[in-house]
Protein backbone atom coordinates (compact mmCIF):
# COMPACT_ATOMS: atom_id res chain seq x y z
CA MET A 1 0.23 0.23 0.18
CA SER A 2 1.32 3.58 -1.16
CA LEU A 3 2.28 6.06 1.56
CA LYS A 4 -0.94 8.40 -0.48
CA ILE A 5 -3.41 5.22 0.08
CA GLU A 6 -2.53 4.96 3.89
CA LEU A 7 -3.03 8.39 4.54
CA GLU A 8 -6.59 8.79 2.60
CA LYS A 9 -7.95 6.08 4.89
CA MET A 10 -6.25 7.68 7.64
CA VAL A 11 -8.28 11.01 6.72
CA LYS A 12 -11.23 9.14 6.29
CA ASP A 13 -11.14 7.52 9.19
CA ALA A 14 -10.77 10.61 11.49
CA PHE A 15 -14.12 11.95 9.57
CA LYS A 16 -15.84 8.72 10.05
CA ALA A 17 -14.70 9.20 13.67
CA CYS A 18 -16.20 12.33 13.86
CA GLY A 19 -19.10 11.53 12.41
CA TYR A 20 -19.02 12.58 9.20
CA GLU A 21 -18.94 10.30 6.32
CA GLY A 22 -19.32 10.66 2.34
CA ASN A 23 -16.63 11.50 -0.56
CA VAL A 24 -14.22 12.52 2.40
CA GLY A 25 -10.33 10.92 2.50
CA ASN A 26 -9.00 13.19 -0.20
CA VAL A 27 -5.29 14.07 0.61
CA THR A 28 -2.49 16.37 -1.42
CA GLU A 29 0.85 16.92 -0.93
CA SER A 30 1.64 20.18 0.57
CA LYS A 31 2.40 23.44 -1.32
CA ARG A 32 3.48 25.17 1.48
CA PRO A 33 6.35 22.28 2.91
CA ASP A 34 7.11 24.80 4.92
CA LEU A 35 4.29 24.42 6.88
CA CYS A 36 3.43 20.50 6.46
CA GLN A 37 3.36 17.77 4.32
CA PHE A 38 0.26 17.11 3.31
CA GLN A 39 -3.06 18.62 3.39
CA SER A 40 -6.74 18.33 3.07
CA ASN A 41 -9.67 20.41 2.13
CA ASP A 42 -12.00 17.78 3.25
CA SER A 43 -13.76 20.13 5.47
CA PHE A 44 -15.15 22.72 2.87
CA VAL A 45 -16.82 19.28 1.21
CA VAL A 46 -18.51 18.27 4.83
CA ALA A 47 -19.42 21.47 5.72
CA LYS A 48 -21.49 22.28 2.72
CA GLN A 49 -23.12 18.50 2.95
CA GLU A 50 -23.71 19.18 6.94
CA LYS A 51 -24.09 23.45 6.65
CA LYS A 52 -21.64 23.79 9.28
CA ASN A 53 -18.45 26.25 9.35
CA PRO A 54 -15.58 23.97 8.08
CA LYS A 55 -13.36 25.73 11.12
CA GLU A 56 -15.29 23.33 13.63
CA ILE A 57 -15.69 20.62 11.25
CA GLY A 58 -11.60 20.92 10.48
CA GLU A 59 -10.51 21.56 14.08
CA ALA A 60 -12.17 18.22 15.03
CA VAL A 61 -10.93 16.14 12.38
CA ALA A 62 -7.31 17.35 13.14
CA ALA A 63 -7.90 16.64 16.76
CA GLU A 64 -8.70 13.21 15.61
CA LEU A 65 -5.66 12.71 13.80
CA ASP A 66 -3.81 14.12 16.40
CA LYS A 67 -4.56 10.76 18.39
CA ASP A 68 -2.54 8.65 15.64
CA SER A 69 0.54 7.92 16.43
CA ARG A 70 1.81 7.79 13.18
CA VAL A 71 1.06 11.73 13.02
CA LYS A 72 3.56 14.73 14.40
CA GLU A 73 0.56 17.16 14.05
CA ALA A 74 -2.41 17.73 11.99
CA VAL A 75 -3.96 21.28 12.63
CA PHE A 76 -6.86 23.23 10.97
CA ALA A 77 -5.74 26.17 8.98
CA ALA A 78 -8.29 28.61 7.73
CA PRO A 79 -10.30 28.89 5.68
CA GLY A 80 -11.04 24.96 5.66
CA PHE A 81 -7.37 23.33 4.97
CA ILE A 82 -6.45 20.22 7.11
CA ASN A 83 -2.49 20.57 7.40
CA ILE A 84 -0.75 17.34 8.49
CA THR A 85 3.19 16.18 8.67
CA MET A 86 3.67 12.54 9.67
CA ASN A 87 6.28 11.60 12.47
CA ASP A 88 9.78 10.13 10.86
CA GLU A 89 9.41 6.91 12.21
CA TYR A 90 6.75 6.10 9.82
CA LEU A 91 8.05 7.80 6.83
CA ILE A 92 10.91 5.60 7.80
CA ASP A 93 8.85 2.49 8.19
CA SER A 94 7.05 3.32 5.19
CA LEU A 95 9.65 3.52 3.05
CA TYR A 96 11.03 0.10 3.89
CA LYS A 97 7.72 -1.74 3.68
CA MET A 98 7.55 0.35 -0.15
CA VAL A 99 11.08 -1.51 -0.96
CA ASN A 100 10.29 -4.94 0.54
CA ASP A 101 6.50 -4.70 -1.42
CA GLU A 102 6.96 -7.38 -4.47
CA ASN A 103 5.18 -4.78 -6.60
CA PHE A 104 6.77 -1.77 -5.00
CA GLY A 105 4.46 -0.34 -3.41
CA ILE A 106 2.69 0.23 -6.89
CA LYS A 107 -1.17 0.19 -6.75
CA GLN A 108 -2.23 -2.55 -9.15
CA ILE A 109 -4.74 -0.69 -10.85
CA GLY A 110 -4.32 -3.17 -13.93
CA SER A 111 -5.13 -6.46 -12.04
CA GLY A 112 -6.95 -8.88 -14.33
CA GLU A 113 -7.25 -6.69 -17.39
CA THR A 114 -5.52 -6.75 -20.72
CA LEU A 115 -4.13 -3.78 -22.60
CA VAL A 116 -3.19 -4.14 -25.89
CA LEU A 117 -1.07 -1.08 -26.98
CA ASP A 118 -0.62 -0.30 -30.68
CA TYR A 119 2.65 1.93 -31.43
CA GLY A 120 5.65 2.10 -33.56
CA GLY A 121 3.86 1.94 -36.87
CA PRO A 122 6.89 1.86 -39.54
CA ASN A 123 6.22 1.03 -43.19
CA VAL A 124 7.56 -1.65 -44.54
CA ALA A 125 10.67 -0.87 -47.17
CA LYS A 126 10.87 2.82 -45.75
CA PRO A 127 13.96 3.27 -42.95
CA LEU A 128 12.92 4.86 -39.86
CA HIS A 129 13.00 8.47 -39.52
CA VAL A 130 12.74 10.62 -36.39
CA GLY A 131 9.05 10.93 -36.84
CA HIS A 132 9.37 7.41 -35.55
CA LEU A 133 11.16 7.88 -32.52
CA ARG A 134 8.60 9.43 -30.52
CA THR A 135 5.34 6.63 -30.69
CA ALA A 136 8.43 3.84 -30.13
CA VAL A 137 9.74 5.73 -26.67
CA ILE A 138 6.43 6.92 -25.14
CA GLY A 139 4.87 3.52 -26.59
CA GLU A 140 7.66 1.30 -25.09
CA ALA A 141 7.31 3.56 -21.34
CA VAL A 142 3.52 3.01 -21.53
CA LYS A 143 4.04 -0.84 -21.92
CA ARG A 144 6.53 -0.80 -18.98
CA ILE A 145 4.68 1.29 -16.94
CA GLY A 146 1.23 -0.67 -17.59
CA ARG A 147 3.15 -3.79 -16.67
CA ALA A 148 4.46 -2.63 -13.73
CA SER A 149 0.70 -1.61 -12.38
CA GLY A 150 -0.58 -4.64 -13.16
CA TYR A 151 -1.74 -4.89 -16.11
CA ASN A 152 -1.31 -7.48 -18.99
CA VAL A 153 -0.14 -5.39 -22.01
CA ILE A 154 0.28 -6.18 -25.01
CA GLY A 155 2.79 -4.51 -27.57
CA ASP A 156 1.76 -4.57 -31.37
CA ILE A 157 3.69 -2.36 -34.15
CA HIS A 158 1.38 -2.75 -36.36
CA LEU A 159 3.64 -2.25 -39.78
CA GLY A 160 2.46 -0.55 -43.21
CA ASP A 161 2.82 -3.39 -45.05
CA TRP A 162 -0.11 -3.95 -47.31
CA GLY A 163 -1.76 -1.42 -49.89
CA LEU A 164 -0.29 0.80 -52.88
CA PRO A 165 3.47 1.53 -51.31
CA ILE A 166 4.34 -1.98 -52.00
CA GLY A 167 2.43 -2.30 -55.56
CA LEU A 168 4.98 0.94 -56.33
CA VAL A 169 7.82 -0.98 -54.69
CA ILE A 170 7.24 -4.00 -56.84
CA TYR A 171 6.39 -2.37 -59.91
CA GLU A 172 9.87 -0.30 -59.75
CA LEU A 173 11.65 -3.77 -59.20
CA LYS A 174 10.04 -4.89 -61.83
CA LEU A 175 10.91 -2.54 -64.26
CA ARG A 176 14.69 -3.18 -63.13
CA ASN A 177 14.79 -6.56 -62.74
CA PRO A 178 12.32 -8.00 -65.66
CA GLU A 179 14.39 -11.09 -65.11
CA TRP A 180 13.42 -12.20 -62.07
CA ALA A 181 11.84 -15.15 -61.19
CA CYS A 182 9.07 -13.91 -59.44
CA PHE A 183 8.10 -12.10 -62.59
CA GLN A 184 7.48 -14.82 -64.84
CA GLU A 185 4.71 -16.51 -65.73
CA GLY A 186 4.41 -20.19 -64.23
CA PHE A 187 6.53 -18.95 -60.77
CA ASP A 188 7.08 -21.86 -58.53
CA ALA A 189 8.47 -20.80 -55.32
CA ASP A 190 9.71 -24.12 -54.63
CA THR A 191 11.98 -24.15 -57.15
CA ASP A 192 12.55 -21.25 -58.78
CA GLU A 193 15.82 -19.29 -57.55
CA THR A 194 15.86 -17.60 -54.66
CA ILE A 195 14.94 -13.64 -54.82
CA THR A 196 17.65 -11.34 -52.98
CA VAL A 197 16.93 -7.60 -51.82
CA THR A 198 18.75 -5.30 -49.43
CA PRO A 199 17.73 -2.76 -47.15
CA GLU A 200 19.60 0.29 -49.01
CA LEU A 201 17.71 -1.30 -52.39
CA LEU A 202 14.76 -0.75 -50.72
CA TYR A 203 15.25 2.66 -49.15
CA GLU A 204 15.94 3.87 -52.84
CA VAL A 205 13.53 2.08 -54.53
CA TYR A 206 10.61 3.55 -52.30
CA PRO A 207 11.40 7.46 -52.95
CA THR A 208 12.16 6.90 -56.37
CA ALA A 209 8.80 4.93 -57.19
CA SER A 210 6.74 7.44 -55.29
CA ALA A 211 7.92 10.27 -57.04
CA LYS A 212 7.24 8.63 -60.58
CA SER A 213 3.73 7.92 -59.45
CA LYS A 214 2.84 11.62 -59.12
CA GLU A 215 4.01 12.16 -62.38
CA ASP A 216 3.23 9.56 -64.56
CA GLU A 217 -0.42 8.37 -64.27
CA ASP A 218 0.50 5.13 -66.23
CA TYR A 219 3.00 4.19 -63.99
CA LEU A 220 0.54 4.93 -60.87
CA ALA A 221 -1.98 2.78 -62.81
CA ALA A 222 0.33 -0.21 -63.17
CA ALA A 223 1.13 -0.14 -59.54
CA ARG A 224 -2.12 -0.11 -58.32
CA GLU A 225 -2.90 -3.20 -60.63
CA ILE A 226 0.03 -4.93 -59.06
CA THR A 227 -1.32 -4.26 -55.81
CA ALA A 228 -4.55 -5.43 -56.72
CA LYS A 229 -2.60 -8.57 -57.57
CA LEU A 230 -0.85 -9.02 -54.87
CA GLN A 231 -3.94 -8.56 -52.77
CA SER A 232 -5.81 -11.43 -54.71
CA GLY A 233 -2.78 -13.77 -54.20
CA HIS A 234 -0.66 -13.38 -57.10
CA LYS A 235 2.25 -16.05 -56.35
CA GLY A 236 5.49 -14.08 -57.58
CA TYR A 237 4.29 -10.76 -56.03
CA TYR A 238 3.39 -12.49 -52.71
CA VAL A 239 6.96 -14.04 -52.65
CA LEU A 240 8.55 -10.86 -53.22
CA TRP A 241 6.57 -9.26 -50.86
CA GLU A 242 7.22 -11.59 -48.13
CA VAL A 243 11.08 -11.24 -48.89
CA ILE A 244 10.52 -7.50 -48.62
CA LEU A 245 8.94 -7.75 -45.65
CA GLU A 246 11.40 -10.10 -43.75
CA VAL A 247 14.10 -7.71 -44.82
CA SER A 248 12.68 -4.48 -43.59
CA LYS A 249 11.71 -5.90 -40.38
CA ALA A 250 15.18 -7.03 -39.97
CA ASP A 251 16.46 -3.71 -40.81
CA VAL A 252 14.00 -1.86 -38.48
CA LYS A 253 14.53 -4.11 -35.80
CA LYS A 254 18.36 -2.84 -35.43
CA ASP A 255 17.28 0.73 -34.68
CA TYR A 256 14.52 -0.53 -32.37
CA ASP A 257 17.17 -2.58 -30.33
CA LYS A 258 19.66 0.44 -30.04
CA LEU A 259 16.81 2.17 -28.44
CA ASP A 260 15.94 -1.04 -26.14
CA VAL A 261 12.29 -1.35 -27.89
CA GLU A 262 10.36 -4.39 -27.91
CA PHE A 263 7.22 -5.51 -29.30
CA ASP A 264 5.16 -8.79 -28.25
CA TYR A 265 3.88 -8.87 -31.94
CA TRP A 266 4.99 -8.02 -34.91
CA TYR A 267 1.79 -7.99 -36.83
CA GLY A 268 0.74 -5.83 -39.79
CA GLU A 269 -1.78 -4.45 -42.18
CA SER A 270 -1.40 -7.70 -43.98
CA ASP A 271 -2.92 -9.82 -40.70
CA ALA A 272 -6.05 -8.14 -40.50
CA VAL A 273 -6.84 -8.32 -44.19
CA PRO A 274 -8.59 -12.11 -43.51
CA TYR A 275 -10.97 -10.34 -41.11
CA ILE A 276 -12.02 -7.59 -43.60
CA PRO A 277 -15.02 -9.37 -45.14
CA GLU A 278 -16.45 -10.55 -41.56
CA LEU A 279 -16.25 -6.35 -41.10
CA MET A 280 -18.02 -5.97 -44.37
CA LYS A 281 -20.69 -8.42 -43.53
CA THR A 282 -20.95 -7.17 -39.82
CA LEU A 283 -21.42 -3.35 -40.75
CA ASN A 284 -23.90 -4.68 -44.13
CA ASP A 285 -26.04 -6.70 -41.51
CA LYS A 286 -26.67 -3.61 -39.08
CA GLY A 287 -27.32 -1.24 -42.00
CA LEU A 288 -24.80 0.98 -41.57
CA ILE A 289 -23.10 0.69 -44.66
CA ARG A 290 -24.52 3.42 -47.35
CA ASP A 291 -23.24 4.25 -51.13
CA SER A 292 -21.60 7.29 -51.51
CA ASP A 293 -20.49 7.81 -55.43
CA GLY A 294 -19.81 4.13 -55.51
CA ALA A 295 -17.49 4.08 -52.38
CA LYS A 296 -18.91 2.29 -49.14
CA VAL A 297 -19.34 4.93 -46.44
CA VAL A 298 -20.80 4.79 -42.66
CA ASP A 299 -22.10 7.58 -40.91
CA VAL A 300 -20.51 8.83 -37.50
CA LEU A 301 -21.75 12.02 -36.90
CA GLU A 302 -23.25 12.72 -33.49
CA GLU A 303 -25.81 15.43 -32.53
CA THR A 304 -23.23 16.94 -29.84
CA ASP A 305 -20.55 16.97 -32.33
CA LYS A 306 -19.58 21.03 -32.52
CA SER A 307 -16.74 20.25 -35.36
CA PRO A 308 -17.02 18.71 -38.85
CA MET A 309 -17.28 14.72 -38.71
CA PRO A 310 -17.12 13.28 -42.17
CA PRO A 311 -18.22 9.21 -42.64
CA VAL A 312 -15.94 7.11 -42.61
CA ILE A 313 -15.03 4.94 -46.11
CA VAL A 314 -14.51 1.51 -45.59
CA GLU A 315 -14.66 0.63 -49.32
CA LYS A 316 -13.35 2.94 -52.27
CA SER A 317 -15.56 2.47 -55.10
CA ASP A 318 -13.22 0.38 -57.32
CA GLY A 319 -13.73 -2.36 -54.21
CA SER A 320 -10.25 -1.68 -52.43
CA SER A 321 -9.96 -1.14 -49.06
CA ILE A 322 -8.05 1.75 -47.04
CA TYR A 323 -6.48 2.35 -43.86
CA ALA A 324 -9.62 2.59 -41.79
CA THR A 325 -11.04 -0.90 -43.30
CA THR A 326 -7.55 -2.53 -42.13
CA ASP A 327 -8.11 -0.81 -38.45
CA LEU A 328 -11.17 -1.88 -38.20
CA ALA A 329 -10.53 -5.26 -39.35
CA THR A 330 -7.45 -5.18 -36.90
CA ILE A 331 -10.00 -4.36 -33.82
CA ILE A 332 -11.81 -7.80 -34.96
CA GLN A 333 -8.28 -9.60 -34.96
CA ARG A 334 -7.39 -7.86 -31.25
CA GLN A 335 -11.12 -8.87 -30.30
CA LYS A 336 -10.31 -12.94 -31.35
CA ASP A 337 -6.82 -13.22 -29.71
CA PHE A 338 -6.60 -11.07 -26.63
CA ASN A 339 -10.48 -10.08 -25.86
CA PRO A 340 -9.08 -6.67 -24.97
CA ASP A 341 -10.10 -4.48 -21.84
CA LYS A 342 -8.55 -1.52 -23.81
CA ILE A 343 -6.96 -0.54 -26.93
CA TRP A 344 -4.27 2.10 -26.68
CA TYR A 345 -2.92 3.94 -30.07
CA VAL A 346 0.08 5.89 -29.77
CA VAL A 347 -0.16 7.84 -32.54
CA ASP A 348 0.67 10.99 -34.24
CA LYS A 349 -1.89 13.66 -33.09
CA ARG A 350 -2.74 14.87 -36.38
CA GLN A 351 -4.25 11.64 -36.55
CA GLY A 352 -7.00 12.20 -33.82
CA LEU A 353 -9.89 12.35 -36.60
CA HIS A 354 -9.39 8.97 -38.18
CA PHE A 355 -9.34 7.42 -34.72
CA GLU A 356 -12.33 8.92 -33.44
CA GLN A 357 -14.02 7.86 -36.54
CA VAL A 358 -12.49 4.15 -36.59
CA PHE A 359 -13.68 4.23 -32.50
CA ARG A 360 -17.01 5.38 -33.49
CA VAL A 361 -17.55 2.56 -36.37
CA ALA A 362 -16.58 -0.15 -33.63
CA ARG A 363 -19.07 1.09 -30.64
CA LYS A 364 -21.95 1.14 -33.43
CA ALA A 365 -21.05 -1.91 -34.84
CA ASN A 366 -20.45 -3.67 -31.58
CA LEU A 367 -16.79 -4.90 -32.71
CA VAL A 368 -15.61 -4.62 -29.12
CA GLY A 369 -17.81 -5.18 -25.67
CA GLU A 370 -19.62 -2.52 -24.00
CA ASN A 371 -16.90 -1.95 -21.92
CA THR A 372 -13.81 -2.19 -24.17
CA GLU A 373 -11.76 1.33 -23.91
CA PHE A 374 -10.37 2.97 -26.74
CA GLU A 375 -7.98 5.33 -26.30
CA PHE A 376 -5.96 7.76 -28.64
CA LEU A 377 -2.44 9.11 -27.28
CA GLY A 378 -1.51 11.14 -29.76
CA PHE A 379 1.89 12.76 -29.79
CA GLY A 380 3.59 16.11 -30.69
CA THR A 381 6.57 16.84 -32.97
CA MET A 382 10.18 16.67 -31.89
CA ASN A 383 11.53 20.13 -33.42
CA GLY A 384 15.12 21.28 -33.95
CA PRO A 385 16.33 23.90 -31.85
CA ASP A 386 14.60 26.79 -34.08
CA GLY A 387 11.53 25.25 -32.99
CA LYS A 388 10.68 24.03 -36.32
CA PRO A 389 10.35 20.25 -37.49
CA PHE A 390 13.58 18.34 -37.09
CA LYS A 391 15.41 17.98 -40.24
CA THR A 392 19.20 17.56 -41.42
CA ARG A 393 20.87 20.43 -42.66
CA ASP A 394 19.90 19.90 -46.27
CA GLY A 395 16.37 20.29 -45.18
CA GLY A 396 15.37 16.22 -45.51
CA VAL A 397 13.96 14.17 -42.86
CA MET A 398 16.57 12.40 -40.75
CA SER A 399 16.87 8.91 -40.38
CA LEU A 400 16.64 7.49 -37.12
CA SER A 401 19.86 5.36 -37.21
CA SER A 402 21.49 8.82 -38.28
CA LEU A 403 20.09 10.36 -34.72
CA LEU A 404 21.14 7.63 -32.78
CA ASN A 405 24.70 7.99 -34.27
CA THR A 406 24.78 11.53 -33.54
CA VAL A 407 23.58 11.27 -30.19
CA GLN A 408 26.08 8.09 -29.13
CA THR A 409 29.36 10.53 -30.76
CA THR A 410 28.43 13.22 -28.95
CA ALA A 411 27.93 10.93 -25.77
CA LYS A 412 31.09 8.97 -26.59
CA SER A 413 33.13 12.63 -26.57
CA LYS A 414 31.71 14.41 -23.58
CA LEU A 415 32.75 10.78 -21.95
CA LEU A 416 36.19 10.86 -23.04
CA GLU A 417 36.68 14.20 -21.49
CA ASN A 418 36.98 12.58 -17.79
CA ASN A 419 36.90 8.76 -18.70
CA PRO A 420 39.41 7.67 -21.36
CA ASN A 421 38.30 4.07 -20.88
CA ALA A 422 34.61 4.71 -22.57
CA THR A 423 33.06 2.22 -24.06
CA ASP A 424 30.39 2.35 -27.29
CA GLU A 425 27.93 0.87 -25.36
CA ASP A 426 27.71 3.16 -22.72
CA ALA A 427 27.90 6.16 -25.00
CA LEU A 428 24.95 4.26 -26.94
CA ARG A 429 23.03 3.83 -23.42
CA ILE A 430 23.78 7.58 -22.53
CA GLY A 431 22.79 8.88 -25.60
CA VAL A 432 19.71 7.35 -25.82
CA ALA A 433 19.31 7.81 -22.17
CA ALA A 434 19.48 11.53 -23.52
CA LEU A 435 16.75 10.95 -26.06
CA LYS A 436 14.16 9.17 -23.89
CA PHE A 437 14.04 11.41 -20.99
CA GLY A 438 14.08 14.47 -23.13
CA ASP A 439 10.91 13.02 -24.74
CA LEU A 440 9.45 11.47 -21.69
CA ILE A 441 9.75 14.63 -19.37
CA ASN A 442 7.39 16.04 -22.00
CA HIS A 443 3.28 15.63 -22.20
CA PRO A 444 3.10 13.18 -25.05
CA SER A 445 0.65 16.02 -26.59
CA SER A 446 3.30 18.59 -26.42
CA ASP A 447 5.78 19.18 -28.68
CA TYR A 448 9.63 19.97 -28.17
CA ALA A 449 12.91 21.25 -29.38
CA PHE A 450 15.67 18.59 -29.63
CA ASP A 451 19.17 19.95 -28.62
CA VAL A 452 21.96 17.35 -28.67
CA ASP A 453 23.77 19.29 -26.26
CA LYS A 454 21.59 20.23 -23.92
CA PHE A 455 19.98 16.77 -23.88
CA LEU A 456 23.79 15.44 -22.87
CA ALA A 457 24.07 17.86 -20.31
CA PHE A 458 24.77 16.71 -17.36
CA GLU A 459 22.78 19.39 -14.92
CA GLY A 460 18.95 20.15 -15.03
CA LYS A 461 16.76 17.72 -16.44
CA THR A 462 18.29 15.14 -18.60
CA GLY A 463 18.49 11.98 -18.50
CA SER A 464 22.49 12.25 -18.35
CA TYR A 465 21.97 13.90 -14.75
CA ILE A 466 19.62 11.00 -13.76
CA LEU A 467 22.42 8.25 -15.06
CA TYR A 468 25.26 10.52 -13.24
CA ASN A 469 23.40 10.98 -9.53
CA ASN A 470 22.93 7.33 -10.07
CA VAL A 471 26.74 6.53 -10.82
CA ARG A 472 27.61 8.92 -7.79
CA ILE A 473 25.59 6.59 -5.30
CA LEU A 474 27.07 2.94 -7.01
CA GLY A 475 30.70 4.99 -6.35
CA ILE A 476 29.92 5.71 -2.77
CA LEU A 477 28.64 2.01 -2.09
CA GLU A 478 31.65 0.62 -3.97
CA ARG A 479 34.18 2.66 -1.85
CA LEU A 480 32.50 1.46 1.12
CA GLN A 481 32.34 -2.05 0.23
CA GLN A 482 28.40 -1.76 0.54
CA ASP A 483 26.17 -4.26 -1.43
CA PRO A 484 23.15 -1.96 -2.88
CA GLU A 485 20.66 -4.88 -2.63
CA MET A 486 21.19 -5.28 1.21
CA ILE A 487 19.26 -2.54 2.83
CA ALA A 488 17.95 -2.43 6.55
CA PRO A 489 15.87 0.24 7.76
CA GLN A 490 17.42 3.71 8.89
CA LYS A 491 17.02 4.93 12.33
CA THR A 492 16.60 8.60 11.97
CA ILE A 493 16.18 11.56 10.19
CA ALA A 494 18.98 14.02 10.45
CA SER A 495 17.90 16.65 8.08
CA GLU A 496 15.45 18.66 5.80
CA ASN A 497 16.95 17.70 2.78
CA GLU A 498 16.87 14.02 3.76
CA ARG A 499 13.52 14.05 4.76
CA ASN A 500 12.42 15.77 1.70
CA LEU A 501 14.07 12.47 -0.67
CA ILE A 502 12.35 10.31 1.44
CA LEU A 503 9.13 12.05 0.72
CA LEU A 504 9.85 12.44 -2.72
CA LEU A 505 10.67 8.46 -2.74
CA LEU A 506 7.32 7.57 -1.08
CA ARG A 507 5.35 9.78 -3.66
CA ASN A 508 6.83 7.03 -6.43
CA PRO A 509 4.04 4.56 -6.62
CA GLU A 510 1.50 7.30 -6.94
CA GLN A 511 3.11 8.41 -10.21
CA PHE A 512 2.85 5.05 -11.82
CA GLN A 513 -0.59 5.35 -10.98
CA MET A 514 -1.09 9.19 -12.59
CA ALA A 515 0.98 7.77 -15.55
CA MET A 516 -1.30 5.53 -16.87
CA THR A 517 -4.74 7.35 -15.57
CA GLU A 518 -3.56 10.49 -17.11
CA HIS A 519 -1.89 8.66 -20.27
CA SER A 520 1.48 10.35 -19.60
CA PRO A 521 5.01 8.67 -18.53
CA SER A 522 6.01 11.97 -17.75
CA TYR A 523 4.68 11.85 -14.17
CA VAL A 524 7.55 8.96 -13.48
CA THR A 525 9.73 10.76 -15.70
CA GLU A 526 9.37 13.74 -13.63
CA ASN A 527 9.59 12.06 -10.38
CA THR A 528 12.91 10.55 -11.26
CA TYR A 529 14.53 13.45 -11.62
CA ASN A 530 13.04 14.74 -8.85
CA ILE A 531 14.43 12.09 -6.82
CA ALA A 532 17.72 12.81 -8.03
CA ALA A 533 17.72 16.47 -7.52
CA ALA A 534 16.98 15.82 -4.09
CA PHE A 535 20.08 13.03 -3.93
CA ALA A 536 22.28 15.60 -5.08
CA LYS A 537 21.07 18.11 -1.88
CA PHE A 538 21.08 15.50 -0.04
CA TYR A 539 24.72 14.42 -0.88
CA ALA A 540 25.64 18.22 -0.85
CA GLU A 541 24.81 18.45 2.61
CA HIS A 542 26.27 15.24 4.38
CA ASN A 543 29.65 13.76 3.75
CA ILE A 544 29.13 9.99 3.98
CA VAL A 545 32.02 9.22 3.32
CA LYS A 546 33.61 10.49 6.16
CA GLU A 547 30.97 10.33 8.61
CA GLU A 548 32.79 9.05 11.82
CA ASN A 549 29.18 8.29 13.79
CA VAL A 550 28.99 4.18 12.16
CA GLU A 551 25.23 4.39 13.09
CA GLN A 552 24.66 7.24 10.83
CA GLN A 553 26.62 6.43 8.19
CA ASN A 554 25.03 2.93 7.94
CA SER A 555 21.49 5.03 8.11
CA TRP A 556 22.42 7.26 4.84
CA LEU A 557 23.85 4.24 3.22
CA ASN A 558 20.72 2.51 3.40
CA LEU A 559 18.91 5.53 2.25
CA LEU A 560 21.35 5.36 -0.71
CA LYS A 561 20.62 1.63 -1.59
CA VAL A 562 16.78 2.75 -1.68
CA THR A 563 17.67 5.82 -3.69
CA HIS A 564 19.51 3.60 -6.03
CA LYS A 565 16.86 0.62 -6.26
CA THR A 566 14.05 3.66 -7.05
CA LEU A 567 16.07 5.24 -9.77
CA GLU A 568 17.03 2.11 -11.22
CA PHE A 569 13.25 0.86 -11.17
CA ASN A 570 12.10 3.98 -12.92
CA LEU A 571 14.58 4.30 -15.48
CA ASP A 572 13.70 0.17 -16.21
CA LYS A 573 10.37 1.20 -16.53
CA LEU A 574 11.43 4.17 -19.25
CA GLY A 575 13.19 2.38 -21.13
CA ILE A 576 16.22 3.46 -20.08
CA LYS A 577 19.26 1.32 -19.27
CA THR A 578 22.26 2.15 -16.51
CA VAL A 579 25.89 2.75 -16.94
CA LYS A 580 28.21 2.07 -14.59
CA ALA A 581 30.70 4.84 -15.07
CA MET A 582 30.68 8.21 -16.54
């Protein structure tokens, strides 16, 4: 049980003892730490219900709280607040209960629930670029925080592997290599020569084909014809598509591995295609489809809408499907495979209208259970230092691999200033920590500016700062020959800085719950920084290594171990790997 939950129960019981029931037990951290640690404004709520003066109620409840041995002081403060400060012994006891709890004190709000998380979303035959960073970073953090909160989280990359872009690539390859076996009549995958393509070839072919299709209608028509044949099961095209798919997956996985991002399933749009007939039958049977200039659409406008809400096209006039169709078919697939309680999408916020349309069709068609939750976690843009979308020097979109190389190289040069033995692996970890922390400290929907030097600074709200303070703790423990895992309760609290660090450690479980209910890992990220900063203040005040009082030194060392364990735990849930030296 987290400290906040215990405090809420404590306050609720005090109100009950004074004869007051209802929606009480609300506790917040004090905005005036010089006055108290926690506050409750429930006196206002009860006063309104009971038609009494909040002072009369607040003073009675404060007096009741004062009887509790866990409370150091509870006083009423006009006009209706109860200020609460806890005993140090209680704070210490709560801290070590949290450390020894199998869930690290985190409320298991997702226990028994399955959450399907759709994130990643790269397109086949195209390299990952900086635009793919946020969905990967945010999605991975939400997945890990969700699991720490008790959810059975299933991460699905949802590849863009079907449709016209694939047809364009195959057509361009056919023009260049008409002799390939897969383009011949009577192609036999079992006996004909194996087709070989490279990522570099694909990444050159797609933009070339895309540009040609915009200038040449015949080229576009031919690519569409190939797309239709592929989707109808053309053997040669299908085998080539499988090769393209596997080559693309293997290459993008290299970047995801560097980011420490893992997906449970590598499903793509193609995996949803078999469910499209069932989707169309369901929509027809429920009378949801109408004809619009030859296309089949579903109306989703509601009376309460104040903004335009166009109908959803589920089948174009030529009989082909579009993104909305495969997204809806994917929902059917996920319902059958996982029976989820929640389906969350970590996607660019500019896709908000599309997903609202998809969710409405899914609801109208009863594709999921009545209580299944859809959530759109729309993210903002990573901009350059100038506040404009991040670009290469020549104005192009930077590949993700180039960005990773940049942060790794910059991190390595900074490390070498103090550590001639710095490794490429440590540089990569520090570089990725800079990227991830700099992203996750923001609310997902916010835009932010990326500056490699600022993100890699050892001071301020950066991943490097967190890693550096964690390394400092490890250095102290190693110097004094301490096992980080051997943690015993400390005896006393010697300073306000020490007490503040303990309070921040105790608020950690609550931040995981906030991250899930508010759909933002920034709560965990922010508290991780606050803990590191509080440790730095505590460390600056107390010379732990030279402390002559052995009992006091051991007490502080145990607090350092708890801080280290919490930082490591949080960083892991944010998808950030730690280092041993900096």
